[in-house]
Amino acid sequence: MAKISKVVKNERRKDKVALYAERRAALKRIIKDPKSSAADVDAAVLKLQKMPRDASPVRVRNRCSQTGRPRGYLRKFGISRVSLRELALEGQIPGVVKSSW
């Protein structure tokens, strides 16, 4: 089980990313647009730099929904490899069986 503080911090980051998503997208459009003047691009870059660091989606960490484990995360299931194995052996995940040959 991960520290509760780390899980809560990551949830806060997710909220902040959602809050600033539209503003970041607008600034990125200005920066990438070839028709924008150099002054507009510079102003957009400065505004983007002044935004909180946690507003960037890159800073959000994928974590297991059950344990909060940050490593061994499987996107298809939304849980870590350890939790996947436990749930699969219990028969909790439909269509997943232990392989044998």
PDB file of N, CA and C in Angstrom:
ATOM      1  N   MET A   1       0.843  -1.180   0.000  1.00  0.00           N
ATOM      2  CA  MET A   1       0.000   0.000   0.000  1.00  0.00           C
ATOM      3  C   MET A   1       0.882   1.236   0.000  1.00  0.00           C
ATOM      4  N   ALA A   2       0.584   2.154  -0.906  1.00  0.00           N
ATOM      5  CA  ALA A   2       1.359   3.393  -1.012  1.00  0.00           C
ATOM      6  C   ALA A   2       0.975   4.343   0.122  1.00  0.00           C
ATOM      7  N   LYS A   3       1.855   5.313   0.351  1.00  0.00           N
ATOM      8  CA  LYS A   3       1.542   6.329   1.350  1.00  0.00           C
ATOM      9  C   LYS A   3       0.298   7.092   0.903  1.00  0.00           C
ATOM     10  N   ILE A   4      -0.569   7.337   1.825  1.00  0.00           N
ATOM     11  CA  ILE A   4      -1.818   8.046   1.523  1.00  0.00           C
ATOM     12  C   ILE A   4      -1.518   9.455   1.010  1.00  0.00           C
ATOM     13  N   SER A   5      -0.470  10.071   1.547  1.00  0.00           N
ATOM     14  CA  SER A   5      -0.141  11.435   1.137  1.00  0.00           C
ATOM     15  C   SER A   5       0.231  11.493  -0.343  1.00  0.00           C
ATOM     16  N   LYS A   6       0.927  10.470  -0.840  1.00  0.00           N
ATOM     17  CA  LYS A   6       1.309  10.440  -2.252  1.00  0.00           C
ATOM     18  C   LYS A   6       0.085  10.266  -3.144  1.00  0.00           C
ATOM     19  N   VAL A   7      -0.836   9.423  -2.733  1.00  0.00           N
ATOM     20  CA  VAL A   7      -2.058   9.196  -3.508  1.00  0.00           C
ATOM     21  C   VAL A   7      -2.896  10.467  -3.549  1.00  0.00           C
ATOM     22  N   VAL A   8      -3.019  11.144  -2.409  1.00  0.00           N
ATOM     23  CA  VAL A   8      -3.797  12.380  -2.328  1.00  0.00           C
ATOM     24  C   VAL A   8      -3.146  13.474  -3.174  1.00  0.00           C
ATOM     25  N   LYS A   9      -1.821  13.550  -3.119  1.00  0.00           N
ATOM     26  CA  LYS A   9      -1.097  14.550  -3.899  1.00  0.00           C
ATOM     27  C   LYS A   9      -1.325  14.332  -5.397  1.00  0.00           C
ATOM     28  N   ASN A  10      -1.322  13.075  -5.810  1.00  0.00           N
ATOM     29  CA  ASN A  10      -1.554  12.756  -7.216  1.00  0.00           C
ATOM     30  C   ASN A  10      -2.981  13.123  -7.633  1.00  0.00           C
ATOM     31  N   GLU A  11      -3.946  12.903  -6.743  1.00  0.00           N
ATOM     32  CA  GLU A  11      -5.337  13.277  -7.042  1.00  0.00           C
ATOM     33  C   GLU A  11      -5.466  14.793  -7.178  1.00  0.00           C
ATOM     34  N   ARG A  12      -4.741  15.525  -6.333  1.00  0.00           N
ATOM     35  CA  ARG A  12      -4.742  16.981  -6.423  1.00  0.00           C
ATOM     36  C   ARG A  12      -4.169  17.440  -7.763  1.00  0.00           C
ATOM     37  N   ARG A  13      -3.124  16.749  -8.204  1.00  0.00           N
ATOM     38  CA  ARG A  13      -2.533  17.070  -9.500  1.00  0.00           C
ATOM     39  C   ARG A  13      -3.532  16.833 -10.622  1.00  0.00           C
ATOM     40  N   LYS A  14      -4.278  15.741 -10.552  1.00  0.00           N
ATOM     41  CA  LYS A  14      -5.286  15.445 -11.576  1.00  0.00           C
ATOM     42  C   LYS A  14      -6.331  16.554 -11.636  1.00  0.00           C
ATOM     43  N   ASP A  15      -6.752  17.028 -10.473  1.00  0.00           N
ATOM     44  CA  ASP A  15      -7.734  18.118 -10.422  1.00  0.00           C
ATOM     45  C   ASP A  15      -7.163  19.391 -11.046  1.00  0.00           C
ATOM     46  N   LYS A  16      -5.902  19.691 -10.726  1.00  0.00           N
ATOM     47  CA  LYS A  16      -5.278  20.908 -11.244  1.00  0.00           C
ATOM     48  C   LYS A  16      -5.083  20.818 -12.753  1.00  0.00           C
ATOM     49  N   VAL A  17      -4.741  19.638 -13.258  1.00  0.00           N
ATOM     50  CA  VAL A  17      -4.595  19.451 -14.709  1.00  0.00           C
ATOM     51  C   VAL A  17      -5.930  19.721 -15.393  1.00  0.00           C
ATOM     52  N   ALA A  18      -7.019  19.198 -14.825  1.00  0.00           N
ATOM     53  CA  ALA A  18      -8.344  19.416 -15.411  1.00  0.00           C
ATOM     54  C   ALA A  18      -8.729  20.894 -15.365  1.00  0.00           C
ATOM     55  N   LEU A  19      -8.345  21.581 -14.297  1.00  0.00           N
ATOM     56  CA  LEU A  19      -8.678  22.992 -14.135  1.00  0.00           C
ATOM     57  C   LEU A  19      -7.991  23.865 -15.184  1.00  0.00           C
ATOM     58  N   TYR A  20      -6.726  23.559 -15.475  1.00  0.00           N
ATOM     59  CA  TYR A  20      -5.932  24.390 -16.384  1.00  0.00           C
ATOM     60  C   TYR A  20      -5.873  23.847 -17.811  1.00  0.00           C
ATOM     61  N   ALA A  21      -6.551  22.761 -18.118  1.00  0.00           N
ATOM     62  CA  ALA A  21      -6.429  22.108 -19.429  1.00  0.00           C
ATOM     63  C   ALA A  21      -6.802  23.044 -20.575  1.00  0.00           C
ATOM     64  N   GLU A  22      -7.912  23.743 -20.447  1.00  0.00           N
ATOM     65  CA  GLU A  22      -8.371  24.608 -21.531  1.00  0.00           C
ATOM     66  C   GLU A  22      -7.418  25.790 -21.737  1.00  0.00           C
ATOM     67  N   ARG A  23      -6.951  26.378 -20.652  1.00  0.00           N
ATOM     68  CA  ARG A  23      -6.025  27.513 -20.764  1.00  0.00           C
ATOM     69  C   ARG A  23      -4.705  27.097 -21.412  1.00  0.00           C
ATOM     70  N   ARG A  24      -4.194  25.932 -21.001  1.00  0.00           N
ATOM     71  CA  ARG A  24      -2.947  25.424 -21.576  1.00  0.00           C
ATOM     72  C   ARG A  24      -3.106  25.138 -23.063  1.00  0.00           C
ATOM     73  N   ALA A  25      -4.245  24.545 -23.427  1.00  0.00           N
ATOM     74  CA  ALA A  25      -4.488  24.214 -24.837  1.00  0.00           C
ATOM     75  C   ALA A  25      -4.549  25.477 -25.689  1.00  0.00           C
ATOM     76  N   ALA A  26      -5.183  26.522 -25.171  1.00  0.00           N
ATOM     77  CA  ALA A  26      -5.274  27.779 -25.920  1.00  0.00           C
ATOM     78  C   ALA A  26      -3.888  28.378 -26.140  1.00  0.00           C
ATOM     79  N   LEU A  27      -3.068  28.380 -25.098  1.00  0.00           N
ATOM     80  CA  LEU A  27      -1.714  28.926 -25.233  1.00  0.00           C
ATOM     81  C   LEU A  27      -0.869  28.089 -26.190  1.00  0.00           C
ATOM     82  N   LYS A  28      -1.018  26.785 -26.134  1.00  0.00           N
ATOM     83  CA  LYS A  28      -0.253  25.910 -27.029  1.00  0.00           C
ATOM     84  C   LYS A  28      -0.658  26.132 -28.484  1.00  0.00           C
ATOM     85  N   ARG A  29      -1.955  26.389 -28.705  1.00  0.00           N
ATOM     86  CA  ARG A  29      -2.414  26.667 -30.068  1.00  0.00           C
ATOM     87  C   ARG A  29      -1.754  27.933 -30.610  1.00  0.00           C
ATOM     88  N   ILE A  30      -1.648  28.961 -29.764  1.00  0.00           N
ATOM     89  CA  ILE A  30      -0.996  30.211 -30.178  1.00  0.00           C
ATOM     90  C   ILE A  30       0.473  29.954 -30.511  1.00  0.00           C
ATOM     91  N   ILE A  31       1.141  29.164 -29.685  1.00  0.00           N
ATOM     92  CA  ILE A  31       2.567  28.895 -29.884  1.00  0.00           C
ATOM     93  C   ILE A  31       2.806  28.107 -31.172  1.00  0.00           C
ATOM     94  N   LYS A  32       1.956  27.131 -31.449  1.00  0.00           N
ATOM     95  CA  LYS A  32       2.154  26.279 -32.621  1.00  0.00           C
ATOM     96  C   LYS A  32       1.664  26.895 -33.928  1.00  0.00           C
ATOM     97  N   ASP A  33       0.815  27.894 -33.842  1.00  0.00           N
ATOM     98  CA  ASP A  33       0.243  28.508 -35.038  1.00  0.00           C
ATOM     99  C   ASP A  33       1.321  29.286 -35.801  1.00  0.00           C
ATOM    100  N   PRO A  34       1.565  28.943 -37.068  1.00  0.00           N
ATOM    101  CA  PRO A  34       2.607  29.667 -37.830  1.00  0.00           C
ATOM    102  C   PRO A  34       2.212  31.110 -38.161  1.00  0.00           C
ATOM    103  N   LYS A  35       0.932  31.431 -38.058  1.00  0.00           N
ATOM    104  CA  LYS A  35       0.473  32.791 -38.360  1.00  0.00           C
ATOM    105  C   LYS A  35       0.635  33.745 -37.174  1.00  0.00           C
ATOM    106  N   SER A  36       0.938  33.221 -36.001  1.00  0.00           N
ATOM    107  CA  SER A  36       1.103  34.068 -34.813  1.00  0.00           C
ATOM    108  C   SER A  36       2.372  34.900 -34.929  1.00  0.00           C
ATOM    109  N   SER A  37       2.283  36.125 -34.447  1.00  0.00           N
ATOM    110  CA  SER A  37       3.467  36.989 -34.466  1.00  0.00           C
ATOM    111  C   SER A  37       4.443  36.561 -33.372  1.00  0.00           C
ATOM    112  N   ALA A  38       5.663  36.994 -33.496  1.00  0.00           N
ATOM    113  CA  ALA A  38       6.694  36.632 -32.526  1.00  0.00           C
ATOM    114  C   ALA A  38       6.344  37.156 -31.133  1.00  0.00           C
ATOM    115  N   ALA A  39       5.742  38.338 -31.075  1.00  0.00           N
ATOM    116  CA  ALA A  39       5.366  38.920 -29.780  1.00  0.00           C
ATOM    117  C   ALA A  39       4.269  38.084 -29.115  1.00  0.00           C
ATOM    118  N   ASP A  40       3.282  37.626 -29.915  1.00  0.00           N
ATOM    119  CA  ASP A  40       2.211  36.791 -29.359  1.00  0.00           C
ATOM    120  C   ASP A  40       2.759  35.469 -28.840  1.00  0.00           C
ATOM    121  N   VAL A  41       3.679  34.884 -29.594  1.00  0.00           N
ATOM    122  CA  VAL A  41       4.275  33.606 -29.180  1.00  0.00           C
ATOM    123  C   VAL A  41       5.060  33.789 -27.890  1.00  0.00           C
ATOM    124  N   ASP A  42       5.836  34.863 -27.806  1.00  0.00           N
ATOM    125  CA  ASP A  42       6.620  35.122 -26.590  1.00  0.00           C
ATOM    126  C   ASP A  42       5.708  35.325 -25.381  1.00  0.00           C
ATOM    127  N   ALA A  43       4.638  36.057 -25.579  1.00  0.00           N
ATOM    128  CA  ALA A  43       3.697  36.295 -24.482  1.00  0.00           C
ATOM    129  C   ALA A  43       3.037  34.990 -24.045  1.00  0.00           C
ATOM    130  N   ALA A  44       2.680  34.136 -25.014  1.00  0.00           N
ATOM    131  CA  ALA A  44       2.046  32.855 -24.690  1.00  0.00           C
ATOM    132  C   ALA A  44       3.010  31.941 -23.941  1.00  0.00           C
ATOM    133  N   VAL A  45       4.276  31.946 -24.362  1.00  0.00           N
ATOM    134  CA  VAL A  45       5.288  31.122 -23.685  1.00  0.00           C
ATOM    135  C   VAL A  45       5.466  31.587 -22.244  1.00  0.00           C
ATOM    136  N   LEU A  46       5.502  32.889 -22.019  1.00  0.00           N
ATOM    137  CA  LEU A  46       5.652  33.411 -20.660  1.00  0.00           C
ATOM    138  C   LEU A  46       4.458  33.044 -19.783  1.00  0.00           C
ATOM    139  N   LYS A  47       3.246  33.160 -20.345  1.00  0.00           N
ATOM    140  CA  LYS A  47       2.058  32.779 -19.580  1.00  0.00           C
ATOM    141  C   LYS A  47       2.070  31.297 -19.241  1.00  0.00           C
ATOM    142  N   LEU A  48       2.513  30.481 -20.194  1.00  0.00           N
ATOM    143  CA  LEU A  48       2.577  29.037 -19.968  1.00  0.00           C
ATOM    144  C   LEU A  48       3.593  28.707 -18.879  1.00  0.00           C
ATOM    145  N   GLN A  49       4.702  29.426 -18.858  1.00  0.00           N
ATOM    146  CA  GLN A  49       5.735  29.193 -17.851  1.00  0.00           C
ATOM    147  C   GLN A  49       5.287  29.630 -16.462  1.00  0.00           C
ATOM    148  N   LYS A  50       4.400  30.631 -16.399  1.00  0.00           N
ATOM    149  CA  LYS A  50       3.947  31.137 -15.106  1.00  0.00           C
ATOM    150  C   LYS A  50       2.845  30.272 -14.482  1.00  0.00           C
ATOM    151  N   MET A  51       2.290  29.359 -15.264  1.00  0.00           N
ATOM    152  CA  MET A  51       1.267  28.461 -14.723  1.00  0.00           C
ATOM    153  C   MET A  51       1.907  27.509 -13.718  1.00  0.00           C
ATOM    154  N   PRO A  52       1.112  26.968 -12.803  1.00  0.00           N
ATOM    155  CA  PRO A  52       1.673  26.025 -11.821  1.00  0.00           C
ATOM    156  C   PRO A  52       2.265  24.794 -12.505  1.00  0.00           C
ATOM    157  N   ARG A  53       3.315  24.269 -11.934  1.00  0.00           N
ATOM    158  CA  ARG A  53       3.952  23.078 -12.503  1.00  0.00           C
ATOM    159  C   ARG A  53       2.995  21.898 -12.534  1.00  0.00           C
ATOM    160  N   ASP A  54       2.199  21.772 -11.501  1.00  0.00           N
ATOM    161  CA  ASP A  54       1.291  20.627 -11.414  1.00  0.00           C
ATOM    162  C   ASP A  54       0.131  20.714 -12.398  1.00  0.00           C
ATOM    163  N   ALA A  55       0.030  21.801 -13.147  1.00  0.00           N
ATOM    164  CA  ALA A  55      -1.013  21.923 -14.165  1.00  0.00           C
ATOM    165  C   ALA A  55      -0.635  21.154 -15.423  1.00  0.00           C
ATOM    166  N   SER A  56       0.597  20.699 -15.507  1.00  0.00           N
ATOM    167  CA  SER A  56       1.042  19.934 -16.667  1.00  0.00           C
ATOM    168  C   SER A  56       0.624  18.473 -16.525  1.00  0.00           C
ATOM    169  N   PRO A  57       0.020  17.893 -17.566  1.00  0.00           N
ATOM    170  CA  PRO A  57      -0.436  16.504 -17.470  1.00  0.00           C
ATOM    171  C   PRO A  57       0.705  15.496 -17.337  1.00  0.00           C
ATOM    172  N   VAL A  58       1.915  15.901 -17.668  1.00  0.00           N
ATOM    173  CA  VAL A  58       3.055  14.998 -17.575  1.00  0.00           C
ATOM    174  C   VAL A  58       3.364  14.637 -16.121  1.00  0.00           C
ATOM    175  N   ARG A  59       2.995  15.498 -15.197  1.00  0.00           N
ATOM    176  CA  ARG A  59       3.336  15.279 -13.790  1.00  0.00           C
ATOM    177  C   ARG A  59       2.393  14.330 -13.064  1.00  0.00           C
ATOM    178  N   VAL A  60       1.308  13.946 -13.718  1.00  0.00           N
ATOM    179  CA  VAL A  60       0.377  13.002 -13.102  1.00  0.00           C
ATOM    180  C   VAL A  60       0.940  11.594 -13.265  1.00  0.00           C
ATOM    181  N   ARG A  61       0.913  10.827 -12.203  1.00  0.00           N
ATOM    182  CA  ARG A  61       1.470   9.478 -12.196  1.00  0.00           C
ATOM    183  C   ARG A  61       0.345   8.456 -12.232  1.00  0.00           C
ATOM    184  N   ASN A  62       0.462   7.449 -13.087  1.00  0.00           N
ATOM    185  CA  ASN A  62      -0.519   6.366 -13.093  1.00  0.00           C
ATOM    186  C   ASN A  62      -0.313   5.516 -11.852  1.00  0.00           C
ATOM    187  N   ARG A  63      -1.387   5.311 -11.104  1.00  0.00           N
ATOM    188  CA  ARG A  63      -1.307   4.523  -9.877  1.00  0.00           C
ATOM    189  C   ARG A  63      -2.409   3.485  -9.847  1.00  0.00           C
ATOM    190  N   CYS A  64      -2.134   2.388  -9.160  1.00  0.00           N
ATOM    191  CA  CYS A  64      -3.109   1.317  -8.997  1.00  0.00           C
ATOM    192  C   CYS A  64      -4.325   1.855  -8.253  1.00  0.00           C
ATOM    193  N   SER A  65      -5.512   1.529  -8.749  1.00  0.00           N
ATOM    194  CA  SER A  65      -6.732   2.048  -8.129  1.00  0.00           C
ATOM    195  C   SER A  65      -7.008   1.402  -6.775  1.00  0.00           C
ATOM    196  N   GLN A  66      -6.402   0.259  -6.508  1.00  0.00           N
ATOM    197  CA  GLN A  66      -6.670  -0.429  -5.249  1.00  0.00           C
ATOM    198  C   GLN A  66      -5.610  -0.182  -4.192  1.00  0.00           C
ATOM    199  N   THR A  67      -4.338  -0.217  -4.604  1.00  0.00           N
ATOM    200  CA  THR A  67      -3.265  -0.096  -3.621  1.00  0.00           C
ATOM    201  C   THR A  67      -2.514   1.225  -3.698  1.00  0.00           C
ATOM    202  N   GLY A  68      -2.612   1.930  -4.834  1.00  0.00           N
ATOM    203  CA  GLY A  68      -1.863   3.174  -5.002  1.00  0.00           C
ATOM    204  C   GLY A  68      -0.449   2.945  -5.477  1.00  0.00           C
ATOM    205  N   ARG A  69      -0.110   1.695  -5.793  1.00  0.00           N
ATOM    206  CA  ARG A  69       1.246   1.367  -6.233  1.00  0.00           C
ATOM    207  C   ARG A  69       1.554   2.081  -7.553  1.00  0.00           C
ATOM    208  N   PRO A  70       2.713   2.799  -7.631  1.00  0.00           N
ATOM    209  CA  PRO A  70       3.019   3.555  -8.845  1.00  0.00           C
ATOM    210  C   PRO A  70       3.714   2.736  -9.930  1.00  0.00           C
ATOM    211  N   ARG A  71       4.298   1.614  -9.585  1.00  0.00           N
ATOM    212  CA  ARG A  71       5.051   0.837 -10.565  1.00  0.00           C
ATOM    213  C   ARG A  71       4.295  -0.426 -10.956  1.00  0.00           C
ATOM    214  N   GLY A  72       4.582  -0.913 -12.140  1.00  0.00           N
ATOM    215  CA  GLY A  72       3.922  -2.116 -12.623  1.00  0.00           C
ATOM    216  C   GLY A  72       2.453  -1.877 -12.921  1.00  0.00           C
ATOM    217  N   TYR A  73       2.115  -0.676 -13.369  1.00  0.00           N
ATOM    218  CA  TYR A  73       0.727  -0.291 -13.646  1.00  0.00           C
ATOM    219  C   TYR A  73       0.329  -0.792 -15.026  1.00  0.00           C
ATOM    220  N   LEU A  74      -0.826  -1.449 -15.122  1.00  0.00           N
ATOM    221  CA  LEU A  74      -1.347  -1.936 -16.399  1.00  0.00           C
ATOM    222  C   LEU A  74      -2.534  -1.083 -16.794  1.00  0.00           C
ATOM    223  N   ARG A  75      -2.396  -0.341 -17.890  1.00  0.00           N
ATOM    224  CA  ARG A  75      -3.430   0.606 -18.306  1.00  0.00           C
ATOM    225  C   ARG A  75      -4.748  -0.076 -18.627  1.00  0.00           C
ATOM    226  N   LYS A  76      -4.681  -1.250 -19.233  1.00  0.00           N
ATOM    227  CA  LYS A  76      -5.902  -1.938 -19.656  1.00  0.00           C
ATOM    228  C   LYS A  76      -6.828  -2.211 -18.470  1.00  0.00           C
ATOM    229  N   PHE A  77      -6.246  -2.497 -17.319  1.00  0.00           N
ATOM    230  CA  PHE A  77      -7.039  -2.841 -16.142  1.00  0.00           C
ATOM    231  C   PHE A  77      -7.099  -1.718 -15.115  1.00  0.00           C
ATOM    232  N   GLY A  78      -6.144  -0.794 -15.144  1.00  0.00           N
ATOM    233  CA  GLY A  78      -6.116   0.297 -14.187  1.00  0.00           C
ATOM    234  C   GLY A  78      -5.594  -0.104 -12.823  1.00  0.00           C
ATOM    235  N   ILE A  79      -4.906  -1.233 -12.773  1.00  0.00           N
ATOM    236  CA  ILE A  79      -4.346  -1.721 -11.510  1.00  0.00           C
ATOM    237  C   ILE A  79      -2.906  -2.177 -11.744  1.00  0.00           C
ATOM    238  N   SER A  80      -2.202  -2.456 -10.658  1.00  0.00           N
ATOM    239  CA  SER A  80      -0.819  -2.905 -10.770  1.00  0.00           C
ATOM    240  C   SER A  80      -0.781  -4.403 -11.055  1.00  0.00           C
ATOM    241  N   ARG A  81       0.384  -4.874 -11.445  1.00  0.00           N
ATOM    242  CA  ARG A  81       0.553  -6.288 -11.777  1.00  0.00           C
ATOM    243  C   ARG A  81       0.291  -7.184 -10.570  1.00  0.00           C
ATOM    244  N   VAL A  82       0.628  -6.713  -9.384  1.00  0.00           N
ATOM    245  CA  VAL A  82       0.425  -7.497  -8.174  1.00  0.00           C
ATOM    246  C   VAL A  82      -1.071  -7.666  -7.898  1.00  0.00           C
ATOM    247  N   SER A  83      -1.813  -6.563  -7.997  1.00  0.00           N
ATOM    248  CA  SER A  83      -3.261  -6.621  -7.778  1.00  0.00           C
ATOM    249  C   SER A  83      -3.949  -7.437  -8.860  1.00  0.00           C
ATOM    250  N   LEU A  84      -3.451  -7.317 -10.098  1.00  0.00           N
ATOM    251  CA  LEU A  84      -4.031  -8.085 -11.197  1.00  0.00           C
ATOM    252  C   LEU A  84      -3.910  -9.577 -10.929  1.00  0.00           C
ATOM    253  N   ARG A  85      -2.755  -9.986 -10.482  1.00  0.00           N
ATOM    254  CA  ARG A  85      -2.549 -11.405 -10.216  1.00  0.00           C
ATOM    255  C   ARG A  85      -3.467 -11.905  -9.107  1.00  0.00           C
ATOM    256  N   GLU A  86      -3.553 -11.125  -8.025  1.00  0.00           N
ATOM    257  CA  GLU A  86      -4.413 -11.528  -6.912  1.00  0.00           C
ATOM    258  C   GLU A  86      -5.870 -11.641  -7.350  1.00  0.00           C
ATOM    259  N   LEU A  87      -6.353 -10.636  -8.074  1.00  0.00           N
ATOM    260  CA  LEU A  87      -7.747 -10.646  -8.518  1.00  0.00           C
ATOM    261  C   LEU A  87      -8.007 -11.749  -9.540  1.00  0.00           C
ATOM    262  N   ALA A  88      -7.026 -11.996 -10.423  1.00  0.00           N
ATOM    263  CA  ALA A  88      -7.200 -13.032 -11.437  1.00  0.00           C
ATOM    264  C   ALA A  88      -7.253 -14.415 -10.787  1.00  0.00           C
ATOM    265  N   LEU A  89      -6.427 -14.640  -9.791  1.00  0.00           N
ATOM    266  CA  LEU A  89      -6.433 -15.940  -9.114  1.00  0.00           C
ATOM    267  C   LEU A  89      -7.721 -16.164  -8.330  1.00  0.00           C
ATOM    268  N   GLU A  90      -8.321 -15.081  -7.856  1.00  0.00           N
ATOM    269  CA  GLU A  90      -9.605 -15.188  -7.160  1.00  0.00           C
ATOM    270  C   GLU A  90     -10.776 -15.321  -8.130  1.00  0.00           C
ATOM    271  N   GLY A  91     -10.511 -15.067  -9.425  1.00  0.00           N
ATOM    272  CA  GLY A  91     -11.577 -15.131 -10.421  1.00  0.00           C
ATOM    273  C   GLY A  91     -12.421 -13.877 -10.477  1.00  0.00           C
ATOM    274  N   GLN A  92     -11.890 -12.752 -10.020  1.00  0.00           N
ATOM    275  CA  GLN A  92     -12.635 -11.494  -9.975  1.00  0.00           C
ATOM    276  C   GLN A  92     -12.629 -10.750 -11.306  1.00  0.00           C
ATOM    277  N   ILE A  93     -11.671 -11.063 -12.189  1.00  0.00           N
ATOM    278  CA  ILE A  93     -11.579 -10.372 -13.472  1.00  0.00           C
ATOM    279  C   ILE A  93     -12.092 -11.321 -14.551  1.00  0.00           C
ATOM    280  N   PRO A  94     -13.196 -10.986 -15.210  1.00  0.00           N
ATOM    281  CA  PRO A  94     -13.753 -11.893 -16.214  1.00  0.00           C
ATOM    282  C   PRO A  94     -12.849 -12.025 -17.432  1.00  0.00           C
ATOM    283  N   GLY A  95     -12.714 -13.253 -17.901  1.00  0.00           N
ATOM    284  CA  GLY A  95     -11.920 -13.521 -19.099  1.00  0.00           C
ATOM    285  C   GLY A  95     -10.449 -13.709 -18.847  1.00  0.00           C
ATOM    286  N   VAL A  96      -9.984 -13.522 -17.631  1.00  0.00           N
ATOM    287  CA  VAL A  96      -8.571 -13.694 -17.321  1.00  0.00           C
ATOM    288  C   VAL A  96      -8.405 -14.997 -16.543  1.00  0.00           C
ATOM    289  N   VAL A  97      -7.590 -15.889 -17.101  1.00  0.00           N
ATOM    290  CA  VAL A  97      -7.311 -17.172 -16.439  1.00  0.00           C
ATOM    291  C   VAL A  97      -5.813 -17.374 -16.365  1.00  0.00           C
ATOM    292  N   LYS A  98      -5.405 -18.158 -15.418  1.00  0.00           N
ATOM    293  CA  LYS A  98      -3.990 -18.464 -15.273  1.00  0.00           C
ATOM    294  C   LYS A  98      -3.572 -19.398 -16.411  1.00  0.00           C
ATOM    295  N   SER A  99      -2.476 -19.067 -17.062  1.00  0.00           N
ATOM    296  CA  SER A  99      -2.051 -19.900 -18.186  1.00  0.00           C
ATOM    297  C   SER A  99      -1.283 -21.109 -17.685  1.00  0.00           C
ATOM    298  N   SER A 100      -1.396 -22.185 -18.433  1.00  0.00           N
ATOM    299  CA  SER A 100      -0.603 -23.386 -18.138  1.00  0.00           C
ATOM    300  C   SER A 100      -0.377 -24.125 -19.435  1.00  0.00           C
ATOM    301  N   TRP A 101       0.830 -24.674 -19.586  1.00  0.00           N
ATOM    302  CA  TRP A 101       1.129 -25.429 -20.794  1.00  0.00           C
ATOM    303  C   TRP A 101       2.088 -26.549 -20.511  1.00  0.00           C
TER     304      TRP A 101
END
